[in-house]
Amino acid sequence: MVEYFGEQLEGYAFSQFGWVQSYGSRCVKPPI
């Protein structure tokens, strides 16, 4: 969800492997 909208905006960069823990065992790859 977050990455999708970030891709529509200027001012964000996107990693290939920038996974971070969101909660529990779920990881997300948020835009920078």
PDB file of all heavy atoms in Angstrom:
ATOM      1  N   MET A   1       0.815  -1.216   0.000  1.00  0.00           N
ATOM      2  CA  MET A   1       0.000   0.000   0.000  1.00  0.00           C
ATOM      3  C   MET A   1       0.849   1.266   0.000  1.00  0.00           C
ATOM      4  O   MET A   1       0.646   2.171  -0.808  1.00  0.00           O
ATOM      5  CB  MET A   1      -0.924  -0.002   1.224  1.00  0.00           C
ATOM      6  CG  MET A   1      -1.700   1.284   1.438  1.00  0.00           C
ATOM      7  SD  MET A   1      -2.842   1.661   0.099  1.00  0.00           S
ATOM      8  CE  MET A   1      -4.126   0.469   0.432  1.00  0.00           C
ATOM      9  N   VAL A   2       1.824   1.347   0.896  1.00  0.00           N
ATOM     10  CA  VAL A   2       2.630   2.563   1.000  1.00  0.00           C
ATOM     11  C   VAL A   2       3.518   2.718  -0.224  1.00  0.00           C
ATOM     12  O   VAL A   2       3.628   3.811  -0.799  1.00  0.00           O
ATOM     13  CB  VAL A   2       3.472   2.537   2.289  1.00  0.00           C
ATOM     14  CG1 VAL A   2       4.360   3.778   2.377  1.00  0.00           C
ATOM     15  CG2 VAL A   2       2.573   2.457   3.519  1.00  0.00           C
ATOM     16  N   GLU A   3       4.155   1.642  -0.650  1.00  0.00           N
ATOM     17  CA  GLU A   3       5.058   1.714  -1.793  1.00  0.00           C
ATOM     18  C   GLU A   3       4.308   2.119  -3.058  1.00  0.00           C
ATOM     19  O   GLU A   3       4.800   2.912  -3.867  1.00  0.00           O
ATOM     20  CB  GLU A   3       5.752   0.363  -2.000  1.00  0.00           C
ATOM     21  CG  GLU A   3       6.828   0.392  -3.067  1.00  0.00           C
ATOM     22  CD  GLU A   3       7.613  -0.910  -3.135  1.00  0.00           C
ATOM     23  OE1 GLU A   3       7.071  -1.956  -2.708  1.00  0.00           O
ATOM     24  OE2 GLU A   3       8.745  -0.893  -3.621  1.00  0.00           O
ATOM     25  N   TYR A   4       3.105   1.597  -3.234  1.00  0.00           N
ATOM     26  CA  TYR A   4       2.324   1.895  -4.439  1.00  0.00           C
ATOM     27  C   TYR A   4       2.090   3.395  -4.582  1.00  0.00           C
ATOM     28  O   TYR A   4       2.290   3.969  -5.651  1.00  0.00           O
ATOM     29  CB  TYR A   4       0.982   1.157  -4.402  1.00  0.00           C
ATOM     30  CG  TYR A   4       0.074   1.530  -5.553  1.00  0.00           C
ATOM     31  CD1 TYR A   4       0.255   0.958  -6.808  1.00  0.00           C
ATOM     32  CD2 TYR A   4      -0.938   2.466  -5.392  1.00  0.00           C
ATOM     33  CE1 TYR A   4      -0.557   1.306  -7.877  1.00  0.00           C
ATOM     34  CE2 TYR A   4      -1.759   2.823  -6.458  1.00  0.00           C
ATOM     35  CZ  TYR A   4      -1.564   2.239  -7.695  1.00  0.00           C
ATOM     36  OH  TYR A   4      -2.357   2.598  -8.750  1.00  0.00           O
ATOM     37  N   PHE A   5       1.647   4.041  -3.515  1.00  0.00           N
ATOM     38  CA  PHE A   5       1.374   5.475  -3.608  1.00  0.00           C
ATOM     39  C   PHE A   5       2.658   6.278  -3.708  1.00  0.00           C
ATOM     40  O   PHE A   5       2.702   7.318  -4.372  1.00  0.00           O
ATOM     41  CB  PHE A   5       0.522   5.936  -2.425  1.00  0.00           C
ATOM     42  CG  PHE A   5      -0.910   5.507  -2.554  1.00  0.00           C
ATOM     43  CD1 PHE A   5      -1.441   4.524  -1.736  1.00  0.00           C
ATOM     44  CD2 PHE A   5      -1.727   6.072  -3.520  1.00  0.00           C
ATOM     45  CE1 PHE A   5      -2.760   4.120  -1.871  1.00  0.00           C
ATOM     46  CE2 PHE A   5      -3.047   5.675  -3.665  1.00  0.00           C
ATOM     47  CZ  PHE A   5      -3.564   4.696  -2.834  1.00  0.00           C
ATOM     48  N   GLY A   6       3.719   5.811  -3.050  1.00  0.00           N
ATOM     49  CA  GLY A   6       5.001   6.497  -3.180  1.00  0.00           C
ATOM     50  C   GLY A   6       5.481   6.518  -4.615  1.00  0.00           C
ATOM     51  O   GLY A   6       6.086   7.502  -5.070  1.00  0.00           O
ATOM     52  N   GLU A   7       5.203   5.444  -5.355  1.00  0.00           N
ATOM     53  CA  GLU A   7       5.632   5.357  -6.753  1.00  0.00           C
ATOM     54  C   GLU A   7       4.927   6.372  -7.642  1.00  0.00           C
ATOM     55  O   GLU A   7       5.407   6.692  -8.730  1.00  0.00           O
ATOM     56  CB  GLU A   7       5.375   3.944  -7.283  1.00  0.00           C
ATOM     57  CG  GLU A   7       6.322   2.903  -6.712  1.00  0.00           C
ATOM     58  CD  GLU A   7       5.907   1.492  -7.072  1.00  0.00           C
ATOM     59  OE1 GLU A   7       4.752   1.276  -7.475  1.00  0.00           O
ATOM     60  OE2 GLU A   7       6.752   0.575  -6.926  1.00  0.00           O
ATOM     61  N   GLN A   8       3.795   6.891  -7.175  1.00  0.00           N
ATOM     62  CA  GLN A   8       3.047   7.869  -7.962  1.00  0.00           C
ATOM     63  C   GLN A   8       3.509   9.307  -7.704  1.00  0.00           C
ATOM     64  O   GLN A   8       3.014  10.238  -8.346  1.00  0.00           O
ATOM     65  CB  GLN A   8       1.546   7.787  -7.633  1.00  0.00           C
ATOM     66  CG  GLN A   8       0.970   6.398  -7.500  1.00  0.00           C
ATOM     67  CD  GLN A   8       0.969   5.631  -8.793  1.00  0.00           C
ATOM     68  OE1 GLN A   8       0.608   6.170  -9.826  1.00  0.00           O
ATOM     69  NE2 GLN A   8       1.365   4.371  -8.736  1.00  0.00           N
ATOM     70  N   LEU A   9       4.427   9.478  -6.766  1.00  0.00           N
ATOM     71  CA  LEU A   9       4.818  10.817  -6.327  1.00  0.00           C
ATOM     72  C   LEU A   9       6.277  11.109  -6.638  1.00  0.00           C
ATOM     73  O   LEU A   9       7.100  10.196  -6.713  1.00  0.00           O
ATOM     74  CB  LEU A   9       4.585  10.957  -4.818  1.00  0.00           C
ATOM     75  CG  LEU A   9       3.140  10.805  -4.345  1.00  0.00           C
ATOM     76  CD1 LEU A   9       3.098  10.649  -2.835  1.00  0.00           C
ATOM     77  CD2 LEU A   9       2.299  11.997  -4.790  1.00  0.00           C
ATOM     78  N   GLU A  10       6.592  12.394  -6.808  1.00  0.00           N
ATOM     79  CA  GLU A  10       7.976  12.829  -6.936  1.00  0.00           C
ATOM     80  C   GLU A  10       8.517  13.113  -5.533  1.00  0.00           C
ATOM     81  O   GLU A  10       7.806  13.641  -4.678  1.00  0.00           O
ATOM     82  CB  GLU A  10       8.059  14.096  -7.785  1.00  0.00           C
ATOM     83  CG  GLU A  10       7.571  13.934  -9.220  1.00  0.00           C
ATOM     84  CD  GLU A  10       8.459  13.029 -10.055  1.00  0.00           C
ATOM     85  OE1 GLU A  10       9.631  12.816  -9.662  1.00  0.00           O
ATOM     86  OE2 GLU A  10       7.979  12.526 -11.088  1.00  0.00           O
ATOM     87  N   GLY A  11       9.788  12.787  -5.310  1.00  0.00           N
ATOM     88  CA  GLY A  11      10.396  13.026  -3.999  1.00  0.00           C
ATOM     89  C   GLY A  11      10.665  11.756  -3.232  1.00  0.00           C
ATOM     90  O   GLY A  11      11.155  11.798  -2.100  1.00  0.00           O
ATOM     91  N   TYR A  12      10.344  10.591  -3.842  1.00  0.00           N
ATOM     92  CA  TYR A  12      10.601   9.288  -3.230  1.00  0.00           C
ATOM     93  C   TYR A  12      11.571   8.487  -4.085  1.00  0.00           C
ATOM     94  O   TYR A  12      11.572   8.597  -5.316  1.00  0.00           O
ATOM     95  CB  TYR A  12       9.308   8.474  -3.093  1.00  0.00           C
ATOM     96  CG  TYR A  12       8.385   8.924  -1.988  1.00  0.00           C
ATOM     97  CD1 TYR A  12       7.197   9.581  -2.274  1.00  0.00           C
ATOM     98  CD2 TYR A  12       8.691   8.658  -0.659  1.00  0.00           C
ATOM     99  CE1 TYR A  12       6.340   9.985  -1.267  1.00  0.00           C
ATOM    100  CE2 TYR A  12       7.844   9.055   0.362  1.00  0.00           C
ATOM    101  CZ  TYR A  12       6.668   9.717   0.051  1.00  0.00           C
ATOM    102  OH  TYR A  12       5.823  10.112   1.057  1.00  0.00           O
ATOM    103  N   ALA A  13      12.382   7.674  -3.433  1.00  0.00           N
ATOM    104  CA  ALA A  13      13.233   6.698  -4.117  1.00  0.00           C
ATOM    105  C   ALA A  13      12.842   5.312  -3.623  1.00  0.00           C
ATOM    106  O   ALA A  13      12.240   5.166  -2.552  1.00  0.00           O
ATOM    107  CB  ALA A  13      14.711   6.972  -3.826  1.00  0.00           C
ATOM    108  N   PHE A  14      13.212   4.283  -4.403  1.00  0.00           N
ATOM    109  CA  PHE A  14      12.758   2.930  -4.081  1.00  0.00           C
ATOM    110  C   PHE A  14      13.922   1.948  -4.119  1.00  0.00           C
ATOM    111  O   PHE A  14      14.723   1.957  -5.053  1.00  0.00           O
ATOM    112  CB  PHE A  14      11.659   2.505  -5.062  1.00  0.00           C
ATOM    113  CG  PHE A  14      10.504   3.456  -5.056  1.00  0.00           C
ATOM    114  CD1 PHE A  14      10.487   4.546  -5.910  1.00  0.00           C
ATOM    115  CD2 PHE A  14       9.485   3.307  -4.153  1.00  0.00           C
ATOM    116  CE1 PHE A  14       9.452   5.464  -5.876  1.00  0.00           C
ATOM    117  CE2 PHE A  14       8.435   4.211  -4.104  1.00  0.00           C
ATOM    118  CZ  PHE A  14       8.412   5.288  -4.967  1.00  0.00           C
ATOM    119  N   SER A  15      14.008   1.136  -3.086  1.00  0.00           N
ATOM    120  CA  SER A  15      15.093   0.166  -2.968  1.00  0.00           C
ATOM    121  C   SER A  15      14.653  -1.178  -3.549  1.00  0.00           C
ATOM    122  O   SER A  15      13.466  -1.439  -3.733  1.00  0.00           O
ATOM    123  CB  SER A  15      15.495  -0.004  -1.502  1.00  0.00           C
ATOM    124  OG  SER A  15      14.408  -0.557  -0.768  1.00  0.00           O
ATOM    125  N   GLN A  16      15.633  -2.024  -3.796  1.00  0.00           N
ATOM    126  CA  GLN A  16      15.332  -3.397  -4.220  1.00  0.00           C
ATOM    127  C   GLN A  16      15.109  -4.307  -3.021  1.00  0.00           C
ATOM    128  O   GLN A  16      14.222  -5.159  -3.025  1.00  0.00           O
ATOM    129  CB  GLN A  16      16.503  -3.955  -5.040  1.00  0.00           C
ATOM    130  CG  GLN A  16      16.722  -3.330  -6.391  1.00  0.00           C
ATOM    131  CD  GLN A  16      18.031  -3.789  -6.994  1.00  0.00           C
ATOM    132  OE1 GLN A  16      19.083  -3.249  -6.681  1.00  0.00           O
ATOM    133  NE2 GLN A  16      17.986  -4.790  -7.855  1.00  0.00           N
ATOM    134  N   PHE A  17      15.917  -4.114  -1.985  1.00  0.00           N
ATOM    135  CA  PHE A  17      15.924  -5.052  -0.854  1.00  0.00           C
ATOM    136  C   PHE A  17      15.811  -4.330   0.485  1.00  0.00           C
ATOM    137  O   PHE A  17      16.274  -4.842   1.502  1.00  0.00           O
ATOM    138  CB  PHE A  17      17.206  -5.890  -0.885  1.00  0.00           C
ATOM    139  CG  PHE A  17      17.453  -6.557  -2.213  1.00  0.00           C
ATOM    140  CD1 PHE A  17      18.443  -6.095  -3.059  1.00  0.00           C
ATOM    141  CD2 PHE A  17      16.673  -7.627  -2.621  1.00  0.00           C
ATOM    142  CE1 PHE A  17      18.665  -6.694  -4.298  1.00  0.00           C
ATOM    143  CE2 PHE A  17      16.887  -8.225  -3.850  1.00  0.00           C
ATOM    144  CZ  PHE A  17      17.884  -7.765  -4.695  1.00  0.00           C
ATOM    145  N   GLY A  18      15.188  -3.159   0.471  1.00  0.00           N
ATOM    146  CA  GLY A  18      15.104  -2.368   1.699  1.00  0.00           C
ATOM    147  C   GLY A  18      13.981  -2.793   2.613  1.00  0.00           C
ATOM    148  O   GLY A  18      13.151  -1.976   3.024  1.00  0.00           O
ATOM    149  N   TRP A  19      13.950  -4.074   2.983  1.00  0.00           N
ATOM    150  CA  TRP A  19      12.881  -4.590   3.836  1.00  0.00           C
ATOM    151  C   TRP A  19      13.140  -4.226   5.296  1.00  0.00           C
ATOM    152  O   TRP A  19      14.258  -4.338   5.783  1.00  0.00           O
ATOM    153  CB  TRP A  19      12.782  -6.108   3.704  1.00  0.00           C
ATOM    154  CG  TRP A  19      12.447  -6.548   2.316  1.00  0.00           C
ATOM    155  CD1 TRP A  19      13.315  -6.977   1.358  1.00  0.00           C
ATOM    156  CD2 TRP A  19      11.152  -6.574   1.708  1.00  0.00           C
ATOM    157  NE1 TRP A  19      12.657  -7.263   0.200  1.00  0.00           N
ATOM    158  CE2 TRP A  19      11.323  -7.041   0.376  1.00  0.00           C
ATOM    159  CE3 TRP A  19       9.868  -6.249   2.163  1.00  0.00           C
ATOM    160  CZ2 TRP A  19      10.249  -7.184  -0.490  1.00  0.00           C
ATOM    161  CZ3 TRP A  19       8.810  -6.395   1.288  1.00  0.00           C
ATOM    162  CH2 TRP A  19       9.001  -6.861  -0.020  1.00  0.00           C
ATOM    163  N   VAL A  20      12.096  -3.795   5.987  1.00  0.00           N
ATOM    164  CA  VAL A  20      12.182  -3.531   7.420  1.00  0.00           C
ATOM    165  C   VAL A  20      10.974  -4.155   8.104  1.00  0.00           C
ATOM    166  O   VAL A  20       9.933  -4.386   7.486  1.00  0.00           O
ATOM    167  CB  VAL A  20      12.229  -2.011   7.724  1.00  0.00           C
ATOM    168  CG1 VAL A  20      13.494  -1.385   7.153  1.00  0.00           C
ATOM    169  CG2 VAL A  20      10.996  -1.299   7.162  1.00  0.00           C
ATOM    170  N   GLN A  21      11.115  -4.422   9.397  1.00  0.00           N
ATOM    171  CA  GLN A  21      10.027  -5.046  10.138  1.00  0.00           C
ATOM    172  C   GLN A  21       8.886  -4.065  10.332  1.00  0.00           C
ATOM    173  O   GLN A  21       9.093  -2.916  10.721  1.00  0.00           O
ATOM    174  CB  GLN A  21      10.525  -5.530  11.502  1.00  0.00           C
ATOM    175  CG  GLN A  21       9.466  -6.298  12.291  1.00  0.00           C
ATOM    176  CD  GLN A  21       9.946  -6.699  13.662  1.00  0.00           C
ATOM    177  OE1 GLN A  21      10.725  -5.990  14.282  1.00  0.00           O
ATOM    178  NE2 GLN A  21       9.497  -7.831  14.147  1.00  0.00           N
ATOM    179  N   SER A  22       7.680  -4.520  10.028  1.00  0.00           N
ATOM    180  CA  SER A  22       6.488  -3.720  10.264  1.00  0.00           C
ATOM    181  C   SER A  22       5.869  -4.126  11.597  1.00  0.00           C
ATOM    182  O   SER A  22       5.734  -3.327  12.513  1.00  0.00           O
ATOM    183  CB  SER A  22       5.486  -3.899   9.130  1.00  0.00           C
ATOM    184  OG  SER A  22       4.291  -3.206   9.402  1.00  0.00           O
ATOM    185  N   TYR A  23       5.497  -5.377  11.712  1.00  0.00           N
ATOM    186  CA  TYR A  23       5.020  -5.927  12.982  1.00  0.00           C
ATOM    187  C   TYR A  23       5.118  -7.442  12.895  1.00  0.00           C
ATOM    188  O   TYR A  23       4.971  -8.020  11.816  1.00  0.00           O
ATOM    189  CB  TYR A  23       3.591  -5.487  13.294  1.00  0.00           C
ATOM    190  CG  TYR A  23       2.577  -5.864  12.231  1.00  0.00           C
ATOM    191  CD1 TYR A  23       1.955  -7.106  12.238  1.00  0.00           C
ATOM    192  CD2 TYR A  23       2.251  -4.975  11.219  1.00  0.00           C
ATOM    193  CE1 TYR A  23       1.042  -7.460  11.254  1.00  0.00           C
ATOM    194  CE2 TYR A  23       1.343  -5.307  10.228  1.00  0.00           C
ATOM    195  CZ  TYR A  23       0.736  -6.550  10.262  1.00  0.00           C
ATOM    196  OH  TYR A  23      -0.154  -6.890   9.287  1.00  0.00           O
ATOM    197  N   GLY A  24       5.375  -8.084  14.022  1.00  0.00           N
ATOM    198  CA  GLY A  24       5.498  -9.543  14.033  1.00  0.00           C
ATOM    199  C   GLY A  24       6.523  -9.997  13.019  1.00  0.00           C
ATOM    200  O   GLY A  24       7.658  -9.532  12.991  1.00  0.00           O
ATOM    201  N   SER A  25       6.099 -10.913  12.143  1.00  0.00           N
ATOM    202  CA  SER A  25       6.999 -11.414  11.103  1.00  0.00           C
ATOM    203  C   SER A  25       6.768 -10.704   9.771  1.00  0.00           C
ATOM    204  O   SER A  25       7.385 -11.056   8.771  1.00  0.00           O
ATOM    205  CB  SER A  25       6.785 -12.926  10.917  1.00  0.00           C
ATOM    206  OG  SER A  25       5.441 -13.179  10.514  1.00  0.00           O
ATOM    207  N   ARG A  26       5.890  -9.697   9.750  1.00  0.00           N
ATOM    208  CA  ARG A  26       5.598  -8.976   8.503  1.00  0.00           C
ATOM    209  C   ARG A  26       6.651  -7.905   8.256  1.00  0.00           C
ATOM    210  O   ARG A  26       6.956  -7.092   9.132  1.00  0.00           O
ATOM    211  CB  ARG A  26       4.215  -8.329   8.555  1.00  0.00           C
ATOM    212  CG  ARG A  26       3.933  -7.426   7.355  1.00  0.00           C
ATOM    213  CD  ARG A  26       2.506  -6.903   7.352  1.00  0.00           C
ATOM    214  NE  ARG A  26       2.328  -5.792   6.430  1.00  0.00           N
ATOM    215  CZ  ARG A  26       2.228  -5.896   5.114  1.00  0.00           C
ATOM    216  NH1 ARG A  26       2.300  -7.102   4.554  1.00  0.00           N
ATOM    217  NH2 ARG A  26       2.055  -4.838   4.349  1.00  0.00           N
ATOM    218  N   CYS A  27       7.205  -7.910   7.062  1.00  0.00           N
ATOM    219  CA  CYS A  27       8.164  -6.884   6.661  1.00  0.00           C
ATOM    220  C   CYS A  27       7.621  -6.128   5.449  1.00  0.00           C
ATOM    221  O   CYS A  27       6.891  -6.690   4.640  1.00  0.00           O
ATOM    222  CB  CYS A  27       9.520  -7.514   6.311  1.00  0.00           C
ATOM    223  SG  CYS A  27      10.403  -8.162   7.738  1.00  0.00           S
ATOM    224  N   VAL A  28       7.986  -4.870   5.344  1.00  0.00           N
ATOM    225  CA  VAL A  28       7.563  -4.033   4.225  1.00  0.00           C
ATOM    226  C   VAL A  28       8.796  -3.365   3.634  1.00  0.00           C
ATOM    227  O   VAL A  28       9.846  -3.296   4.259  1.00  0.00           O
ATOM    228  CB  VAL A  28       6.538  -2.967   4.665  1.00  0.00           C
ATOM    229  CG1 VAL A  28       5.243  -3.609   5.110  1.00  0.00           C
ATOM    230  CG2 VAL A  28       7.105  -2.088   5.783  1.00  0.00           C
ATOM    231  N   LYS A  29       8.652  -2.877   2.411  1.00  0.00           N
ATOM    232  CA  LYS A  29       9.747  -2.195   1.718  1.00  0.00           C
ATOM    233  C   LYS A  29       9.293  -0.766   1.425  1.00  0.00           C
ATOM    234  O   LYS A  29       8.905  -0.447   0.314  1.00  0.00           O
ATOM    235  CB  LYS A  29      10.108  -2.955   0.445  1.00  0.00           C
ATOM    236  CG  LYS A  29      11.379  -2.471  -0.238  1.00  0.00           C
ATOM    237  CD  LYS A  29      11.911  -3.522  -1.206  1.00  0.00           C
ATOM    238  CE  LYS A  29      10.964  -3.812  -2.342  1.00  0.00           C
ATOM    239  NZ  LYS A  29      10.821  -2.661  -3.264  1.00  0.00           N
ATOM    240  N   PRO A  30       9.319   0.098   2.432  1.00  0.00           N
ATOM    241  CA  PRO A  30       8.753   1.438   2.242  1.00  0.00           C
ATOM    242  C   PRO A  30       9.591   2.294   1.316  1.00  0.00           C
ATOM    243  O   PRO A  30      10.804   2.119   1.204  1.00  0.00           O
ATOM    244  CB  PRO A  30       8.758   2.023   3.663  1.00  0.00           C
ATOM    245  CG  PRO A  30       9.851   1.285   4.362  1.00  0.00           C
ATOM    246  CD  PRO A  30       9.861  -0.097   3.785  1.00  0.00           C
ATOM    247  N   PRO A  31       8.956   3.254   0.633  1.00  0.00           N
ATOM    248  CA  PRO A  31       9.706   4.202  -0.183  1.00  0.00           C
ATOM    249  C   PRO A  31      10.585   5.087   0.690  1.00  0.00           C
ATOM    250  O   PRO A  31      10.312   5.277   1.875  1.00  0.00           O
ATOM    251  CB  PRO A  31       8.626   5.010  -0.895  1.00  0.00           C
ATOM    252  CG  PRO A  31       7.353   4.715  -0.218  1.00  0.00           C
ATOM    253  CD  PRO A  31       7.509   3.475   0.579  1.00  0.00           C
ATOM    254  N   ILE A  32      11.624   5.632   0.095  1.00  0.00           N
ATOM    255  CA  ILE A  32      12.559   6.506   0.804  1.00  0.00           C
ATOM    256  C   ILE A  32      12.203   7.948   0.461  1.00  0.00           C
ATOM    257  O   ILE A  32      12.335   8.378  -0.684  1.00  0.00           O
ATOM    258  CB  ILE A  32      14.005   6.193   0.381  1.00  0.00           C
ATOM    259  CG1 ILE A  32      14.367   4.754   0.774  1.00  0.00           C
ATOM    260  CG2 ILE A  32      14.981   7.190   0.998  1.00  0.00           C
ATOM    261  CD1 ILE A  32      15.649   4.259   0.131  1.00  0.00           C
TER     262      ILE A  32
END
